[in-house]
Amino acid sequence: MAQSPDPNKEHLSKIIADKCDRRLKAQQEKRKSIFFGLGMIGTVGWMIAVPTVIGVMLGRFLDRLYKNGVSWTLTLIFAGLCVGCFIAWQWMNKEGKS
């Protein structure tokens, strides 16, 4: 009676093989300089800062246009910060996979 292969073992072996391949690739690549890391930090900073500043500017405009009890500036600062963090997170995931 032949047993079919266990799908969990196949999945686990694929994960292990992928991690081994990534480790070997990382060992073969040249070391990146400190400036590469600083550039990545700067890129992530801009990805977060730009939507936040756009939120501030749009919020200030809406606060002047509609003089009610709602603070559009605070609301759009928070929204811009969330959008910027999401964009940075997506970019970091994409860079981590490549």
N, C-alpha and C. Protein backbone atom coordinates (compact mmCIF):
# COMPACT_ATOMS: atom_id res chain seq x y z
N MET A 1 0.84 -1.17 0.00
CA MET A 1 0.00 0.00 0.00
C MET A 1 0.90 1.25 0.00
N ALA A 2 0.81 2.04 -1.06
CA ALA A 2 1.64 3.24 -1.18
C ALA A 2 0.94 4.41 -0.50
N GLN A 3 1.74 5.13 0.26
CA GLN A 3 1.19 6.30 0.94
C GLN A 3 1.47 7.54 0.10
N SER A 4 0.50 8.42 0.08
CA SER A 4 0.71 9.67 -0.63
C SER A 4 1.58 10.57 0.23
N PRO A 5 2.40 11.43 -0.42
CA PRO A 5 3.26 12.33 0.35
C PRO A 5 2.44 13.30 1.19
N ASP A 6 2.96 13.60 2.36
CA ASP A 6 2.28 14.51 3.28
C ASP A 6 2.43 15.94 2.76
N PRO A 7 1.32 16.65 2.51
CA PRO A 7 1.42 18.02 1.99
C PRO A 7 2.11 18.97 2.96
N ASN A 8 1.98 18.72 4.26
CA ASN A 8 2.65 19.59 5.24
C ASN A 8 4.15 19.46 5.13
N LYS A 9 4.65 18.23 4.91
CA LYS A 9 6.09 18.03 4.77
C LYS A 9 6.61 18.69 3.50
N GLU A 10 5.83 18.59 2.43
CA GLU A 10 6.23 19.24 1.18
C GLU A 10 6.28 20.75 1.35
N HIS A 11 5.29 21.31 2.02
CA HIS A 11 5.25 22.76 2.25
C HIS A 11 6.45 23.19 3.11
N LEU A 12 6.72 22.44 4.15
CA LEU A 12 7.84 22.76 5.04
C LEU A 12 9.17 22.66 4.29
N SER A 13 9.33 21.63 3.47
CA SER A 13 10.58 21.50 2.73
C SER A 13 10.75 22.62 1.72
N LYS A 14 9.65 23.11 1.14
CA LYS A 14 9.74 24.24 0.21
C LYS A 14 10.16 25.50 0.95
N ILE A 15 9.61 25.73 2.13
CA ILE A 15 9.98 26.91 2.93
C ILE A 15 11.46 26.86 3.29
N ILE A 16 11.93 25.69 3.71
CA ILE A 16 13.34 25.54 4.08
C ILE A 16 14.24 25.76 2.87
N ALA A 17 13.86 25.21 1.73
CA ALA A 17 14.66 25.39 0.51
C ALA A 17 14.71 26.86 0.10
N ASP A 18 13.59 27.58 0.22
CA ASP A 18 13.56 29.00 -0.12
C ASP A 18 14.48 29.80 0.80
N LYS A 19 14.45 29.47 2.10
CA LYS A 19 15.30 30.20 3.05
C LYS A 19 16.77 29.92 2.78
N CYS A 20 17.10 28.67 2.44
CA CYS A 20 18.49 28.34 2.11
C CYS A 20 18.95 29.09 0.87
N ASP A 21 18.09 29.15 -0.14
CA ASP A 21 18.43 29.88 -1.36
C ASP A 21 18.66 31.36 -1.08
N ARG A 22 17.81 31.96 -0.25
CA ARG A 22 17.99 33.38 0.10
C ARG A 22 19.27 33.61 0.87
N ARG A 23 19.59 32.70 1.77
CA ARG A 23 20.82 32.85 2.56
C ARG A 23 22.05 32.74 1.66
N LEU A 24 22.05 31.77 0.75
CA LEU A 24 23.18 31.63 -0.17
C LEU A 24 23.32 32.85 -1.08
N LYS A 25 22.20 33.36 -1.56
CA LYS A 25 22.22 34.55 -2.41
C LYS A 25 22.76 35.75 -1.63
N ALA A 26 22.35 35.89 -0.37
CA ALA A 26 22.82 37.01 0.45
C ALA A 26 24.32 36.89 0.72
N GLN A 27 24.82 35.68 0.89
CA GLN A 27 26.24 35.49 1.14
C GLN A 27 27.06 35.79 -0.11
N GLN A 28 26.50 35.54 -1.27
CA GLN A 28 27.23 35.76 -2.51
C GLN A 28 27.23 37.22 -2.94
N GLU A 29 26.23 37.97 -2.51
CA GLU A 29 26.16 39.39 -2.88
C GLU A 29 27.23 40.17 -2.16
N LYS A 30 27.64 41.24 -2.80
CA LYS A 30 28.60 42.13 -2.16
C LYS A 30 27.93 42.86 -1.01
N ARG A 31 28.71 43.19 -0.02
CA ARG A 31 28.19 43.97 1.11
C ARG A 31 27.84 45.37 0.62
N LYS A 32 26.71 45.84 1.06
CA LYS A 32 26.29 47.18 0.68
C LYS A 32 26.86 48.18 1.67
N SER A 33 27.14 49.36 1.19
CA SER A 33 27.78 50.36 2.04
C SER A 33 26.76 50.97 3.00
N ILE A 34 27.30 51.71 3.95
CA ILE A 34 26.47 52.40 4.93
C ILE A 34 25.59 53.44 4.24
N PHE A 35 26.07 53.97 3.13
CA PHE A 35 25.30 54.99 2.42
C PHE A 35 24.05 54.39 1.78
N PHE A 36 24.10 53.11 1.40
CA PHE A 36 22.93 52.45 0.87
C PHE A 36 21.84 52.38 1.95
N GLY A 37 22.23 52.02 3.17
CA GLY A 37 21.28 51.96 4.28
C GLY A 37 20.71 53.33 4.62
N LEU A 38 21.57 54.34 4.62
CA LEU A 38 21.10 55.70 4.89
C LEU A 38 20.14 56.18 3.79
N GLY A 39 20.42 55.79 2.57
CA GLY A 39 19.53 56.16 1.47
C GLY A 39 18.17 55.51 1.61
N MET A 40 18.16 54.25 2.06
CA MET A 40 16.87 53.57 2.26
C MET A 40 16.09 54.24 3.38
N ILE A 41 16.76 54.62 4.45
CA ILE A 41 16.09 55.31 5.56
C ILE A 41 15.52 56.64 5.07
N GLY A 42 16.29 57.35 4.27
CA GLY A 42 15.82 58.62 3.72
C GLY A 42 14.61 58.44 2.81
N THR A 43 14.64 57.39 2.01
CA THR A 43 13.51 57.12 1.11
C THR A 43 12.24 56.83 1.91
N VAL A 44 12.37 56.01 2.94
CA VAL A 44 11.21 55.69 3.77
C VAL A 44 10.71 56.96 4.47
N GLY A 45 11.62 57.80 4.92
CA GLY A 45 11.23 59.05 5.56
C GLY A 45 10.42 59.94 4.63
N TRP A 46 10.88 60.06 3.38
CA TRP A 46 10.14 60.87 2.42
C TRP A 46 8.80 60.27 2.09
N MET A 47 8.73 58.93 2.05
CA MET A 47 7.45 58.28 1.76
C MET A 47 6.41 58.57 2.83
N ILE A 48 6.86 58.78 4.04
CA ILE A 48 5.95 59.09 5.14
C ILE A 48 5.69 60.60 5.22
N ALA A 49 6.74 61.40 5.00
CA ALA A 49 6.62 62.84 5.19
C ALA A 49 5.76 63.52 4.12
N VAL A 50 5.89 63.10 2.88
CA VAL A 50 5.17 63.78 1.79
C VAL A 50 3.65 63.69 1.95
N PRO A 51 3.07 62.49 2.17
CA PRO A 51 1.61 62.46 2.36
C PRO A 51 1.17 63.21 3.62
N THR A 52 2.01 63.22 4.65
CA THR A 52 1.66 63.94 5.87
C THR A 52 1.61 65.44 5.61
N VAL A 53 2.61 65.96 4.89
CA VAL A 53 2.63 67.40 4.58
C VAL A 53 1.48 67.77 3.65
N ILE A 54 1.15 66.91 2.71
CA ILE A 54 0.00 67.16 1.85
C ILE A 54 -1.28 67.22 2.69
N GLY A 55 -1.38 66.32 3.68
CA GLY A 55 -2.52 66.35 4.59
C GLY A 55 -2.60 67.64 5.38
N VAL A 56 -1.45 68.14 5.83
CA VAL A 56 -1.42 69.42 6.57
C VAL A 56 -1.90 70.55 5.68
N MET A 57 -1.38 70.62 4.46
CA MET A 57 -1.75 71.72 3.57
C MET A 57 -3.23 71.67 3.20
N LEU A 58 -3.71 70.49 2.86
CA LEU A 58 -5.13 70.35 2.52
C LEU A 58 -6.02 70.63 3.74
N GLY A 59 -5.59 70.18 4.91
CA GLY A 59 -6.35 70.43 6.13
C GLY A 59 -6.43 71.90 6.48
N ARG A 60 -5.32 72.61 6.34
CA ARG A 60 -5.33 74.06 6.61
C ARG A 60 -6.26 74.78 5.64
N PHE A 61 -6.23 74.37 4.39
CA PHE A 61 -7.11 74.97 3.39
C PHE A 61 -8.57 74.73 3.75
N LEU A 62 -8.91 73.50 4.12
CA LEU A 62 -10.29 73.18 4.47
C LEU A 62 -10.73 73.87 5.76
N ASP A 63 -9.80 74.02 6.73
CA ASP A 63 -10.14 74.73 7.97
C ASP A 63 -10.47 76.19 7.69
N ARG A 64 -9.74 76.83 6.77
CA ARG A 64 -10.03 78.22 6.43
C ARG A 64 -11.32 78.33 5.63
N LEU A 65 -11.58 77.33 4.80
CA LEU A 65 -12.76 77.37 3.94
C LEU A 65 -14.04 77.11 4.73
N TYR A 66 -14.01 76.09 5.59
CA TYR A 66 -15.17 75.72 6.40
C TYR A 66 -14.86 75.98 7.86
N LYS A 67 -15.41 77.00 8.41
CA LYS A 67 -15.14 77.33 9.81
C LYS A 67 -16.19 76.66 10.69
N ASN A 68 -15.99 75.38 10.94
CA ASN A 68 -16.88 74.65 11.84
C ASN A 68 -16.05 74.01 12.95
N GLY A 69 -16.63 73.19 13.77
CA GLY A 69 -15.93 72.62 14.91
C GLY A 69 -14.97 71.49 14.58
N VAL A 70 -14.95 71.05 13.33
CA VAL A 70 -14.09 69.94 12.94
C VAL A 70 -12.71 70.47 12.55
N SER A 71 -11.68 69.84 13.10
CA SER A 71 -10.32 70.22 12.73
C SER A 71 -9.86 69.33 11.57
N TRP A 72 -9.95 69.88 10.37
CA TRP A 72 -9.53 69.11 9.21
C TRP A 72 -8.03 68.90 9.19
N THR A 73 -7.30 69.83 9.75
CA THR A 73 -5.84 69.69 9.76
C THR A 73 -5.42 68.45 10.54
N LEU A 74 -5.94 68.29 11.74
CA LEU A 74 -5.58 67.11 12.54
C LEU A 74 -6.04 65.82 11.87
N THR A 75 -7.23 65.86 11.31
CA THR A 75 -7.77 64.67 10.65
C THR A 75 -6.91 64.27 9.47
N LEU A 76 -6.54 65.24 8.65
CA LEU A 76 -5.76 64.91 7.45
C LEU A 76 -4.29 64.67 7.75
N ILE A 77 -3.76 65.21 8.87
CA ILE A 77 -2.41 64.82 9.30
C ILE A 77 -2.40 63.33 9.60
N PHE A 78 -3.38 62.89 10.35
CA PHE A 78 -3.47 61.48 10.71
C PHE A 78 -3.67 60.62 9.46
N ALA A 79 -4.54 61.05 8.56
CA ALA A 79 -4.78 60.29 7.33
C ALA A 79 -3.52 60.23 6.48
N GLY A 80 -2.81 61.34 6.34
CA GLY A 80 -1.57 61.37 5.57
C GLY A 80 -0.49 60.50 6.18
N LEU A 81 -0.42 60.50 7.50
CA LEU A 81 0.54 59.64 8.19
C LEU A 81 0.22 58.17 7.96
N CYS A 82 -1.05 57.82 8.02
CA CYS A 82 -1.45 56.42 7.76
C CYS A 82 -1.14 56.02 6.33
N VAL A 83 -1.45 56.89 5.38
CA VAL A 83 -1.17 56.59 3.97
C VAL A 83 0.34 56.45 3.75
N GLY A 84 1.12 57.35 4.31
CA GLY A 84 2.58 57.29 4.16
C GLY A 84 3.17 56.03 4.77
N CYS A 85 2.69 55.63 5.94
CA CYS A 85 3.19 54.40 6.57
C CYS A 85 2.80 53.18 5.74
N PHE A 86 1.61 53.19 5.18
CA PHE A 86 1.18 52.07 4.33
C PHE A 86 2.05 51.98 3.08
N ILE A 87 2.32 53.11 2.44
CA ILE A 87 3.17 53.12 1.25
C ILE A 87 4.58 52.61 1.60
N ALA A 88 5.13 53.09 2.71
CA ALA A 88 6.47 52.66 3.12
C ALA A 88 6.48 51.17 3.45
N TRP A 89 5.44 50.68 4.10
CA TRP A 89 5.35 49.26 4.44
C TRP A 89 5.31 48.41 3.18
N GLN A 90 4.51 48.84 2.19
CA GLN A 90 4.42 48.09 0.94
C GLN A 90 5.77 48.07 0.23
N TRP A 91 6.46 49.19 0.21
CA TRP A 91 7.75 49.28 -0.46
C TRP A 91 8.78 48.41 0.25
N MET A 92 8.77 48.43 1.58
CA MET A 92 9.72 47.60 2.34
C MET A 92 9.46 46.12 2.08
N ASN A 93 8.20 45.71 2.01
CA ASN A 93 7.89 44.32 1.70
C ASN A 93 8.39 43.94 0.32
N LYS A 94 8.20 44.84 -0.65
CA LYS A 94 8.65 44.56 -2.00
C LYS A 94 10.17 44.47 -2.06
N GLU A 95 10.86 45.35 -1.37
CA GLU A 95 12.33 45.32 -1.36
C GLU A 95 12.85 44.09 -0.63
N GLY A 96 12.13 43.67 0.41
CA GLY A 96 12.55 42.49 1.17
C GLY A 96 12.44 41.21 0.36
N LYS A 97 11.47 41.15 -0.54
CA LYS A 97 11.28 39.95 -1.34
C LYS A 97 12.26 39.86 -2.49
N SER A 98 12.77 41.02 -2.94
CA SER A 98 13.70 41.00 -4.08
C SER A 98 15.13 40.84 -3.63
